[in-house]
């Protein structure tokens, strides 16, 4: 993989792990919490997108609006499903399953339907990343949990479902910034605004809950609202210079950091297995870098 693209993806992975840790701390925030941090993102980045459009010599195309609306719908589904997963399952279970299922599906679609050929090192790296994610995700529940099978099944279900939404928006993002040639900043800024507007009616119907979440979790809202776009934009720029079949798996360094945070800060158990899986993930990223 191109060195610049790999650097962008690895920085994005670190930022991604940080904001997901904040999302887990809120837990049962639901769609109201998702609305709040998407709105913060829109307030910050939509004006930047407008400025870029004014300065950009190329005139906007109607396909840019279509691209933004589709990614907004996919991200709203992603945000709600992810938050539900954090409400019913452990970070060390939901997060790696989500981040592992996403690239697995992305690589399969990219190779089978998009004609990408990442080469043997890239494919081996992708498989190593996925294997490491599976090893990490087999750890025990949190130390203060009753080890309920139902809780674990719910975590697995929402983790995999989140991965499906990740694959969906990753593939659409790659198509939008390459085939449709949407500038990443414009793409994200317009998408963030659409995400906030899509959730606004629901938020207005649940205004007391939105107000309470803002009062009690303002720091987490601002952290996610600012850091999530940074991670996302870095990946969009990487997708413009590297194939999605390599970018998607390389992002998964974030599960190493998320797993360590779940162990050290949240008290989730089985650190040996988690660290072993993390080493497999790192080996996969090294293989991807050689592709």
C-alpha atoms as a PDB file:
ATOM      1  CA  UNK A   1       0.000   0.000   0.000  1.00  0.00           C
ATOM      2  CA  UNK A   2       1.086   3.569  -0.700  1.00  0.00           C
ATOM      3  CA  UNK A   3       2.976   4.918   2.357  1.00  0.00           C
ATOM      4  CA  UNK A   4       0.902   8.090   2.549  1.00  0.00           C
ATOM      5  CA  UNK A   5      -2.340   6.100   2.395  1.00  0.00           C
ATOM      6  CA  UNK A   6      -1.130   3.731   5.113  1.00  0.00           C
ATOM      7  CA  UNK A   7      -0.153   6.642   7.371  1.00  0.00           C
ATOM      8  CA  UNK A   8      -3.567   8.240   6.926  1.00  0.00           C
ATOM      9  CA  UNK A   9      -5.328   4.982   7.733  1.00  0.00           C
ATOM     10  CA  UNK A  10      -3.257   4.253  10.853  1.00  0.00           C
ATOM     11  CA  UNK A  11      -3.816   7.729  12.305  1.00  0.00           C
ATOM     12  CA  UNK A  12      -7.516   7.309  11.548  1.00  0.00           C
ATOM     13  CA  UNK A  13      -7.485   3.998  13.447  1.00  0.00           C
ATOM     14  CA  UNK A  14      -6.111   5.651  16.587  1.00  0.00           C
ATOM     15  CA  UNK A  15      -8.675   8.448  16.434  1.00  0.00           C
ATOM     16  CA  UNK A  16     -11.440   5.927  15.754  1.00  0.00           C
ATOM     17  CA  UNK A  17     -10.601   3.881  18.849  1.00  0.00           C
ATOM     18  CA  UNK A  18     -10.687   7.008  21.017  1.00  0.00           C
ATOM     19  CA  UNK A  19     -14.138   8.101  19.918  1.00  0.00           C
ATOM     20  CA  UNK A  20     -15.593   4.594  20.185  1.00  0.00           C
ATOM     21  CA  UNK A  21     -14.351   4.399  23.762  1.00  0.00           C
ATOM     22  CA  UNK A  22     -16.288   7.614  24.444  1.00  0.00           C
ATOM     23  CA  UNK A  23     -19.396   6.133  22.812  1.00  0.00           C
ATOM     24  CA  UNK A  24     -19.169   3.043  25.003  1.00  0.00           C
ATOM     25  CA  UNK A  25     -18.987   5.205  28.142  1.00  0.00           C
ATOM     26  CA  UNK A  26     -22.385   6.676  27.285  1.00  0.00           C
ATOM     27  CA  UNK A  27     -23.844   3.253  26.466  1.00  0.00           C
ATOM     28  CA  UNK A  28     -27.610   3.691  26.391  1.00  0.00           C
ATOM     29  CA  UNK A  29     -27.618   7.022  24.603  1.00  0.00           C
ATOM     30  CA  UNK A  30     -29.568   5.700  21.633  1.00  0.00           C
ATOM     31  CA  UNK A  31     -30.538   7.665  18.544  1.00  0.00           C
ATOM     32  CA  UNK A  32     -30.746  10.885  20.588  1.00  0.00           C
ATOM     33  CA  UNK A  33     -27.043  10.637  21.410  1.00  0.00           C
ATOM     34  CA  UNK A  34     -26.217   9.841  17.779  1.00  0.00           C
ATOM     35  CA  UNK A  35     -28.177  12.935  16.722  1.00  0.00           C
ATOM     36  CA  UNK A  36     -26.186  15.125  19.100  1.00  0.00           C
ATOM     37  CA  UNK A  37     -22.741  14.120  17.878  1.00  0.00           C
ATOM     38  CA  UNK A  38     -23.791  14.143  14.211  1.00  0.00           C
ATOM     39  CA  UNK A  39     -25.090  17.680  14.755  1.00  0.00           C
ATOM     40  CA  UNK A  40     -21.770  18.763  16.254  1.00  0.00           C
ATOM     41  CA  UNK A  41     -20.024  17.324  13.187  1.00  0.00           C
ATOM     42  CA  UNK A  42     -22.407  19.163  10.869  1.00  0.00           C
ATOM     43  CA  UNK A  43     -21.948  22.498  12.668  1.00  0.00           C
ATOM     44  CA  UNK A  44     -18.171  22.240  12.362  1.00  0.00           C
ATOM     45  CA  UNK A  45     -17.694  20.670   8.943  1.00  0.00           C
ATOM     46  CA  UNK A  46     -20.673  21.759   6.817  1.00  0.00           C
ATOM     47  CA  UNK A  47     -19.422  25.403   6.694  1.00  0.00           C
ATOM     48  CA  UNK A  48     -15.965  24.120   5.750  1.00  0.00           C
ATOM     49  CA  UNK A  49     -17.542  22.202   2.879  1.00  0.00           C
ATOM     50  CA  UNK A  50     -19.332  25.367   1.700  1.00  0.00           C
ATOM     51  CA  UNK A  51     -16.071  27.323   1.733  1.00  0.00           C
ATOM     52  CA  UNK A  52     -14.389  24.565  -0.248  1.00  0.00           C
ATOM     53  CA  UNK A  53     -17.185  24.636  -2.835  1.00  0.00           C
ATOM     54  CA  UNK A  54     -16.784  28.398  -3.247  1.00  0.00           C
ATOM     55  CA  UNK A  55     -13.031  28.112  -3.735  1.00  0.00           C
ATOM     56  CA  UNK A  56     -13.129  24.917  -5.805  1.00  0.00           C
ATOM     57  CA  UNK A  57     -12.913  25.710  -9.550  1.00  0.00           C
ATOM     58  CA  UNK A  58     -14.943  22.618 -10.495  1.00  0.00           C
ATOM     59  CA  UNK A  59     -18.704  23.117 -10.374  1.00  0.00           C
ATOM     60  CA  UNK A  60     -20.711  20.749  -8.160  1.00  0.00           C
ATOM     61  CA  UNK A  61     -22.649  17.906  -9.777  1.00  0.00           C
ATOM     62  CA  UNK A  62     -26.061  16.610  -8.779  1.00  0.00           C
ATOM     63  CA  UNK A  63     -24.434  13.215  -8.197  1.00  0.00           C
ATOM     64  CA  UNK A  64     -22.572  14.767  -5.258  1.00  0.00           C
ATOM     65  CA  UNK A  65     -25.895  15.373  -3.515  1.00  0.00           C
ATOM     66  CA  UNK A  66     -27.011  11.807  -4.206  1.00  0.00           C
ATOM     67  CA  UNK A  67     -23.731  10.492  -2.800  1.00  0.00           C
ATOM     68  CA  UNK A  68     -24.169  12.546   0.376  1.00  0.00           C
ATOM     69  CA  UNK A  69     -27.754  11.388   0.931  1.00  0.00           C
ATOM     70  CA  UNK A  70     -26.863   7.713   0.540  1.00  0.00           C
ATOM     71  CA  UNK A  71     -23.884   7.920   2.887  1.00  0.00           C
ATOM     72  CA  UNK A  72     -26.010   9.848   5.407  1.00  0.00           C
ATOM     73  CA  UNK A  73     -28.621   7.074   5.468  1.00  0.00           C
ATOM     74  CA  UNK A  74     -25.931   4.406   5.857  1.00  0.00           C
ATOM     75  CA  UNK A  75     -24.198   6.322   8.654  1.00  0.00           C
ATOM     76  CA  UNK A  76     -27.426   6.929  10.547  1.00  0.00           C
ATOM     77  CA  UNK A  77     -28.055   3.173  10.494  1.00  0.00           C
ATOM     78  CA  UNK A  78     -24.441   2.577  11.569  1.00  0.00           C
ATOM     79  CA  UNK A  79     -24.575   5.033  14.461  1.00  0.00           C
ATOM     80  CA  UNK A  80     -27.845   3.705  15.861  1.00  0.00           C
ATOM     81  CA  UNK A  81     -26.864   0.030  15.576  1.00  0.00           C
ATOM     82  CA  UNK A  82     -23.426   0.672  17.097  1.00  0.00           C
ATOM     83  CA  UNK A  83     -24.869   2.560  20.058  1.00  0.00           C
ATOM     84  CA  UNK A  84     -27.383  -0.215  20.626  1.00  0.00           C
ATOM     85  CA  UNK A  85     -24.546  -2.726  20.588  1.00  0.00           C
ATOM     86  CA  UNK A  86     -22.666  -0.773  23.240  1.00  0.00           C
ATOM     87  CA  UNK A  87     -25.825  -0.678  25.347  1.00  0.00           C
ATOM     88  CA  UNK A  88     -26.237  -4.475  25.393  1.00  0.00           C
ATOM     89  CA  UNK A  89     -22.667  -5.800  24.965  1.00  0.00           C
ATOM     90  CA  UNK A  90     -19.031  -5.320  25.923  1.00  0.00           C
ATOM     91  CA  UNK A  91     -16.659  -3.025  24.035  1.00  0.00           C
ATOM     92  CA  UNK A  92     -14.191  -5.908  23.638  1.00  0.00           C
ATOM     93  CA  UNK A  93     -16.894  -7.990  21.921  1.00  0.00           C
ATOM     94  CA  UNK A  94     -18.954  -5.508  19.879  1.00  0.00           C
ATOM     95  CA  UNK A  95     -16.076  -3.345  18.626  1.00  0.00           C
ATOM     96  CA  UNK A  96     -13.812  -6.051  17.151  1.00  0.00           C
ATOM     97  CA  UNK A  97     -16.736  -7.926  15.632  1.00  0.00           C
ATOM     98  CA  UNK A  98     -17.959  -4.723  13.982  1.00  0.00           C
ATOM     99  CA  UNK A  99     -14.512  -3.744  12.764  1.00  0.00           C
ATOM    100  CA  UNK A 100     -13.758  -7.295  11.573  1.00  0.00           C
ATOM    101  CA  UNK A 101     -16.998  -7.998   9.720  1.00  0.00           C
ATOM    102  CA  UNK A 102     -16.806  -4.674   7.885  1.00  0.00           C
ATOM    103  CA  UNK A 103     -13.458  -5.207   6.116  1.00  0.00           C
ATOM    104  CA  UNK A 104     -14.197  -8.882   5.498  1.00  0.00           C
ATOM    105  CA  UNK A 105     -17.295  -7.966   3.486  1.00  0.00           C
ATOM    106  CA  UNK A 106     -15.560  -4.954   1.900  1.00  0.00           C
ATOM    107  CA  UNK A 107     -12.636  -7.046   0.663  1.00  0.00           C
ATOM    108  CA  UNK A 108     -14.931  -9.791  -0.656  1.00  0.00           C
ATOM    109  CA  UNK A 109     -17.070  -7.325  -2.602  1.00  0.00           C
ATOM    110  CA  UNK A 110     -14.033  -5.378  -3.873  1.00  0.00           C
ATOM    111  CA  UNK A 111     -12.339  -8.542  -5.160  1.00  0.00           C
ATOM    112  CA  UNK A 112     -15.435 -10.346  -6.484  1.00  0.00           C
ATOM    113  CA  UNK A 113     -17.406  -7.451  -7.963  1.00  0.00           C
ATOM    114  CA  UNK A 114     -15.174  -4.371  -8.294  1.00  0.00           C
ATOM    115  CA  UNK A 115     -12.254  -6.080 -10.015  1.00  0.00           C
ATOM    116  CA  UNK A 116      -9.633  -5.098  -7.455  1.00  0.00           C
ATOM    117  CA  UNK A 117      -6.511  -7.248  -7.222  1.00  0.00           C
ATOM    118  CA  UNK A 118      -4.565  -6.393  -4.056  1.00  0.00           C
ATOM    119  CA  UNK A 119      -2.051  -9.224  -4.599  1.00  0.00           C
ATOM    120  CA  UNK A 120      -1.055 -12.106  -2.302  1.00  0.00           C
ATOM    121  CA  UNK A 121       0.518  -9.989   0.505  1.00  0.00           C
ATOM    122  CA  UNK A 122      -2.564  -7.772   0.712  1.00  0.00           C
ATOM    123  CA  UNK A 123      -4.973 -10.698   0.789  1.00  0.00           C
ATOM    124  CA  UNK A 124      -2.883 -12.552   3.371  1.00  0.00           C
ATOM    125  CA  UNK A 125      -2.790  -9.389   5.454  1.00  0.00           C
ATOM    126  CA  UNK A 126      -6.553  -9.016   5.215  1.00  0.00           C
ATOM    127  CA  UNK A 127      -7.043 -12.601   6.361  1.00  0.00           C
ATOM    128  CA  UNK A 128      -4.639 -12.094   9.273  1.00  0.00           C
ATOM    129  CA  UNK A 129      -6.513  -8.974  10.353  1.00  0.00           C
ATOM    130  CA  UNK A 130      -9.815 -10.817  10.248  1.00  0.00           C
ATOM    131  CA  UNK A 131      -8.357 -13.797  12.135  1.00  0.00           C
ATOM    132  CA  UNK A 132      -6.964 -11.518  14.825  1.00  0.00           C
ATOM    133  CA  UNK A 133     -10.312  -9.802  15.212  1.00  0.00           C
ATOM    134  CA  UNK A 134     -12.006 -13.166  15.719  1.00  0.00           C
ATOM    135  CA  UNK A 135      -9.452 -14.153  18.363  1.00  0.00           C
ATOM    136  CA  UNK A 136      -9.992 -10.901  20.229  1.00  0.00           C
ATOM    137  CA  UNK A 137     -13.767 -11.216  20.067  1.00  0.00           C
ATOM    138  CA  UNK A 138     -13.832 -14.593  21.828  1.00  0.00           C
ATOM    139  CA  UNK A 139     -12.798 -13.071  25.171  1.00  0.00           C
ATOM    140  CA  UNK A 140     -14.975 -13.260  28.282  1.00  0.00           C
ATOM    141  CA  UNK A 141     -17.534 -10.572  29.188  1.00  0.00           C
ATOM    142  CA  UNK A 142     -16.759  -7.723  31.554  1.00  0.00           C
ATOM    143  CA  UNK A 143     -15.706  -8.636  35.075  1.00  0.00           C
ATOM    144  CA  UNK A 144     -18.841  -7.097  36.598  1.00  0.00           C
ATOM    145  CA  UNK A 145     -21.159  -8.865  34.158  1.00  0.00           C
ATOM    146  CA  UNK A 146     -23.181 -11.930  35.071  1.00  0.00           C
ATOM    147  CA  UNK A 147     -21.868 -13.712  31.940  1.00  0.00           C
ATOM    148  CA  UNK A 148     -25.392 -13.897  30.591  1.00  0.00           C
ATOM    149  CA  UNK A 149     -25.527 -15.906  27.343  1.00  0.00           C
ATOM    150  CA  UNK A 150     -28.326 -13.621  26.153  1.00  0.00           C
ATOM    151  CA  UNK A 151     -26.126 -10.540  26.677  1.00  0.00           C
ATOM    152  CA  UNK A 152     -23.286 -12.167  24.772  1.00  0.00           C
ATOM    153  CA  UNK A 153     -25.561 -13.207  21.902  1.00  0.00           C
ATOM    154  CA  UNK A 154     -26.916  -9.667  21.709  1.00  0.00           C
ATOM    155  CA  UNK A 155     -23.371  -8.291  21.587  1.00  0.00           C
ATOM    156  CA  UNK A 156     -22.434 -10.678  18.772  1.00  0.00           C
ATOM    157  CA  UNK A 157     -25.611  -9.852  16.826  1.00  0.00           C
ATOM    158  CA  UNK A 158     -25.176  -6.082  17.012  1.00  0.00           C
ATOM    159  CA  UNK A 159     -21.440  -6.329  16.426  1.00  0.00           C
ATOM    160  CA  UNK A 160     -21.953  -8.249  13.179  1.00  0.00           C
ATOM    161  CA  UNK A 161     -24.870  -6.017  12.143  1.00  0.00           C
ATOM    162  CA  UNK A 162     -22.678  -2.956  12.709  1.00  0.00           C
ATOM    163  CA  UNK A 163     -20.037  -4.595  10.518  1.00  0.00           C
ATOM    164  CA  UNK A 164     -22.571  -4.962   7.721  1.00  0.00           C
ATOM    165  CA  UNK A 165     -23.332  -1.229   7.868  1.00  0.00           C
ATOM    166  CA  UNK A 166     -19.594  -0.476   7.912  1.00  0.00           C
ATOM    167  CA  UNK A 167     -19.096  -2.535   4.756  1.00  0.00           C
ATOM    168  CA  UNK A 168     -21.997  -0.704   3.133  1.00  0.00           C
ATOM    169  CA  UNK A 169     -20.715   2.799   3.761  1.00  0.00           C
ATOM    170  CA  UNK A 170     -17.080   1.851   3.074  1.00  0.00           C
ATOM    171  CA  UNK A 171     -17.908   0.555  -0.393  1.00  0.00           C
ATOM    172  CA  UNK A 172     -20.207   3.501  -1.126  1.00  0.00           C
ATOM    173  CA  UNK A 173     -17.565   5.946   0.115  1.00  0.00           C
ATOM    174  CA  UNK A 174     -14.949   4.404  -2.174  1.00  0.00           C
ATOM    175  CA  UNK A 175     -17.347   4.710  -5.124  1.00  0.00           C
ATOM    176  CA  UNK A 176     -18.243   8.305  -4.236  1.00  0.00           C
ATOM    177  CA  UNK A 177     -14.723   9.710  -3.882  1.00  0.00           C
ATOM    178  CA  UNK A 178     -13.342   7.815  -6.894  1.00  0.00           C
ATOM    179  CA  UNK A 179     -15.989   7.066  -9.547  1.00  0.00           C
ATOM    180  CA  UNK A 180     -18.175  10.075  -8.676  1.00  0.00           C
ATOM    181  CA  UNK A 181     -15.115  12.233  -7.853  1.00  0.00           C
ATOM    182  CA  UNK A 182     -16.760  13.930  -4.875  1.00  0.00           C
ATOM    183  CA  UNK A 183     -14.159  15.962  -2.925  1.00  0.00           C
ATOM    184  CA  UNK A 184     -13.807  14.304   0.522  1.00  0.00           C
ATOM    185  CA  UNK A 185     -14.460  17.496   2.505  1.00  0.00           C
ATOM    186  CA  UNK A 186     -17.589  18.303   0.501  1.00  0.00           C
ATOM    187  CA  UNK A 187     -18.715  14.687   0.762  1.00  0.00           C
ATOM    188  CA  UNK A 188     -18.359  14.576   4.509  1.00  0.00           C
ATOM    189  CA  UNK A 189     -19.712  18.057   5.232  1.00  0.00           C
ATOM    190  CA  UNK A 190     -22.874  17.537   3.191  1.00  0.00           C
ATOM    191  CA  UNK A 191     -23.266  14.005   4.540  1.00  0.00           C
ATOM    192  CA  UNK A 192     -22.958  15.194   8.154  1.00  0.00           C
ATOM    193  CA  UNK A 193     -25.615  17.837   7.591  1.00  0.00           C
ATOM    194  CA  UNK A 194     -27.940  15.251   6.046  1.00  0.00           C
ATOM    195  CA  UNK A 195     -27.343  12.866   8.961  1.00  0.00           C
ATOM    196  CA  UNK A 196     -28.365  15.512  11.476  1.00  0.00           C
ATOM    197  CA  UNK A 197     -31.469  16.443   9.450  1.00  0.00           C
ATOM    198  CA  UNK A 198     -32.537  12.807   9.091  1.00  0.00           C
ATOM    199  CA  UNK A 199     -32.484  12.340  12.866  1.00  0.00           C
ATOM    200  CA  UNK A 200     -33.904  15.772  13.732  1.00  0.00           C
ATOM    201  CA  UNK A 201     -37.602  14.767  13.719  1.00  0.00           C
ATOM    202  CA  UNK A 202     -36.931  11.909  16.121  1.00  0.00           C
ATOM    203  CA  UNK A 203     -34.809  14.164  18.342  1.00  0.00           C
ATOM    204  CA  UNK A 204     -37.549  16.801  18.478  1.00  0.00           C
ATOM    205  CA  UNK A 205     -40.036  14.159  19.616  1.00  0.00           C
ATOM    206  CA  UNK A 206     -37.639  13.188  22.412  1.00  0.00           C
ATOM    207  CA  UNK A 207     -36.361  16.634  23.373  1.00  0.00           C
ATOM    208  CA  UNK A 208     -36.133  15.933  27.159  1.00  0.00           C
ATOM    209  CA  UNK A 209     -33.842  12.960  26.528  1.00  0.00           C
ATOM    210  CA  UNK A 210     -31.704  14.982  24.116  1.00  0.00           C
ATOM    211  CA  UNK A 211     -31.406  17.778  26.675  1.00  0.00           C
ATOM    212  CA  UNK A 212     -30.445  15.339  29.434  1.00  0.00           C
ATOM    213  CA  UNK A 213     -27.799  13.659  27.281  1.00  0.00           C
ATOM    214  CA  UNK A 214     -26.275  17.023  26.341  1.00  0.00           C
ATOM    215  CA  UNK A 215     -26.192  18.081  29.988  1.00  0.00           C
ATOM    216  CA  UNK A 216     -24.714  14.836  31.335  1.00  0.00           C
ATOM    217  CA  UNK A 217     -22.463  13.796  28.431  1.00  0.00           C
ATOM    218  CA  UNK A 218     -21.418  17.001  26.727  1.00  0.00           C
ATOM    219  CA  UNK A 219     -17.753  16.005  26.734  1.00  0.00           C
ATOM    220  CA  UNK A 220     -18.460  12.679  25.000  1.00  0.00           C
ATOM    221  CA  UNK A 221     -20.733  14.375  22.458  1.00  0.00           C
ATOM    222  CA  UNK A 222     -18.038  16.903  21.552  1.00  0.00           C
ATOM    223  CA  UNK A 223     -15.294  14.260  21.505  1.00  0.00           C
ATOM    224  CA  UNK A 224     -17.189  12.035  19.078  1.00  0.00           C
ATOM    225  CA  UNK A 225     -18.576  14.920  17.045  1.00  0.00           C
ATOM    226  CA  UNK A 226     -15.059  16.245  16.408  1.00  0.00           C
ATOM    227  CA  UNK A 227     -12.928  13.095  16.293  1.00  0.00           C
ATOM    228  CA  UNK A 228     -15.247  10.888  14.262  1.00  0.00           C
ATOM    229  CA  UNK A 229     -15.083  13.256  11.255  1.00  0.00           C
ATOM    230  CA  UNK A 230     -11.281  13.429  11.488  1.00  0.00           C
ATOM    231  CA  UNK A 231     -10.983   9.639  11.330  1.00  0.00           C
ATOM    232  CA  UNK A 232     -13.529   9.473   8.520  1.00  0.00           C
ATOM    233  CA  UNK A 233     -11.901  12.179   6.405  1.00  0.00           C
ATOM    234  CA  UNK A 234      -8.485  10.555   6.725  1.00  0.00           C
ATOM    235  CA  UNK A 235      -9.932   7.311   5.376  1.00  0.00           C
ATOM    236  CA  UNK A 236     -11.685   9.128   2.509  1.00  0.00           C
ATOM    237  CA  UNK A 237      -8.399  10.677   1.417  1.00  0.00           C
ATOM    238  CA  UNK A 238      -6.724   7.263   1.697  1.00  0.00           C
ATOM    239  CA  UNK A 239      -9.438   5.724  -0.520  1.00  0.00           C
ATOM    240  CA  UNK A 240      -8.512   8.184  -3.266  1.00  0.00           C
ATOM    241  CA  UNK A 241      -4.972   6.797  -3.498  1.00  0.00           C
ATOM    242  CA  UNK A 242      -5.337   3.158  -2.440  1.00  0.00           C
ATOM    243  CA  UNK A 243      -7.875   0.375  -3.179  1.00  0.00           C
ATOM    244  CA  UNK A 244     -10.670  -0.295  -0.715  1.00  0.00           C
ATOM    245  CA  UNK A 245      -9.569  -3.955  -0.373  1.00  0.00           C
ATOM    246  CA  UNK A 246      -6.403  -2.698   1.373  1.00  0.00           C
ATOM    247  CA  UNK A 247      -7.700   0.416   3.140  1.00  0.00           C
ATOM    248  CA  UNK A 248     -10.601  -1.359   4.868  1.00  0.00           C
ATOM    249  CA  UNK A 249      -8.501  -4.020   6.674  1.00  0.00           C
ATOM    250  CA  UNK A 250      -5.668  -1.625   7.579  1.00  0.00           C
ATOM    251  CA  UNK A 251      -8.109   0.498   9.594  1.00  0.00           C
ATOM    252  CA  UNK A 252      -8.428  -2.336  12.069  1.00  0.00           C
ATOM    253  CA  UNK A 253      -5.445  -1.300  14.169  1.00  0.00           C
ATOM    254  CA  UNK A 254      -8.185   0.475  16.108  1.00  0.00           C
ATOM    255  CA  UNK A 255      -9.391  -2.833  17.566  1.00  0.00           C
ATOM    256  CA  UNK A 256      -6.003  -3.306  19.249  1.00  0.00           C
ATOM    257  CA  UNK A 257      -6.355   0.037  20.988  1.00  0.00           C
ATOM    258  CA  UNK A 258     -10.025  -0.532  21.733  1.00  0.00           C
ATOM    259  CA  UNK A 259      -9.261  -3.931  23.242  1.00  0.00           C
ATOM    260  CA  UNK A 260      -6.539  -2.534  25.467  1.00  0.00           C
ATOM    261  CA  UNK A 261      -8.830   0.272  26.630  1.00  0.00           C
ATOM    262  CA  UNK A 262     -11.591  -2.232  27.381  1.00  0.00           C
ATOM    263  CA  UNK A 263      -9.155  -4.248  29.497  1.00  0.00           C
ATOM    264  CA  UNK A 264      -7.303  -1.458  31.303  1.00  0.00           C
ATOM    265  CA  UNK A 265     -10.079   1.111  31.767  1.00  0.00           C
ATOM    266  CA  UNK A 266     -13.383  -0.782  31.639  1.00  0.00           C
ATOM    267  CA  UNK A 267     -12.142  -3.887  33.458  1.00  0.00           C
ATOM    268  CA  UNK A 268     -13.068  -6.362  30.718  1.00  0.00           C
ATOM    269  CA  UNK A 269     -11.204  -9.641  31.066  1.00  0.00           C
ATOM    270  CA  UNK A 270      -9.124 -12.161  29.083  1.00  0.00           C
ATOM    271  CA  UNK A 271      -6.184  -9.847  28.371  1.00  0.00           C
ATOM    272  CA  UNK A 272      -3.848 -12.615  27.124  1.00  0.00           C
ATOM    273  CA  UNK A 273      -6.220 -13.671  24.361  1.00  0.00           C
ATOM    274  CA  UNK A 274      -6.928 -10.051  23.469  1.00  0.00           C
ATOM    275  CA  UNK A 275      -3.236  -9.188  23.170  1.00  0.00           C
ATOM    276  CA  UNK A 276      -2.528 -12.331  21.137  1.00  0.00           C
ATOM    277  CA  UNK A 277      -5.272 -11.368  18.709  1.00  0.00           C
ATOM    278  CA  UNK A 278      -3.875  -7.840  18.579  1.00  0.00           C
ATOM    279  CA  UNK A 279      -0.475  -9.162  17.492  1.00  0.00           C
ATOM    280  CA  UNK A 280      -2.142 -11.101  14.677  1.00  0.00           C
ATOM    281  CA  UNK A 281      -3.864  -7.888  13.593  1.00  0.00           C
ATOM    282  CA  UNK A 282      -0.567  -6.015  13.571  1.00  0.00           C
ATOM    283  CA  UNK A 283       1.010  -8.778  11.471  1.00  0.00           C
ATOM    284  CA  UNK A 284      -1.836  -8.388   9.011  1.00  0.00           C
ATOM    285  CA  UNK A 285      -1.305  -4.632   8.813  1.00  0.00           C
ATOM    286  CA  UNK A 286       2.403  -5.228   8.118  1.00  0.00           C
ATOM    287  CA  UNK A 287       1.475  -7.558   5.255  1.00  0.00           C
ATOM    288  CA  UNK A 288      -0.947  -4.990   3.858  1.00  0.00           C
ATOM    289  CA  UNK A 289       1.800  -2.365   3.944  1.00  0.00           C
ATOM    290  CA  UNK A 290       3.899  -4.616   1.681  1.00  0.00           C
ATOM    291  CA  UNK A 291       1.144  -5.018  -0.913  1.00  0.00           C
END
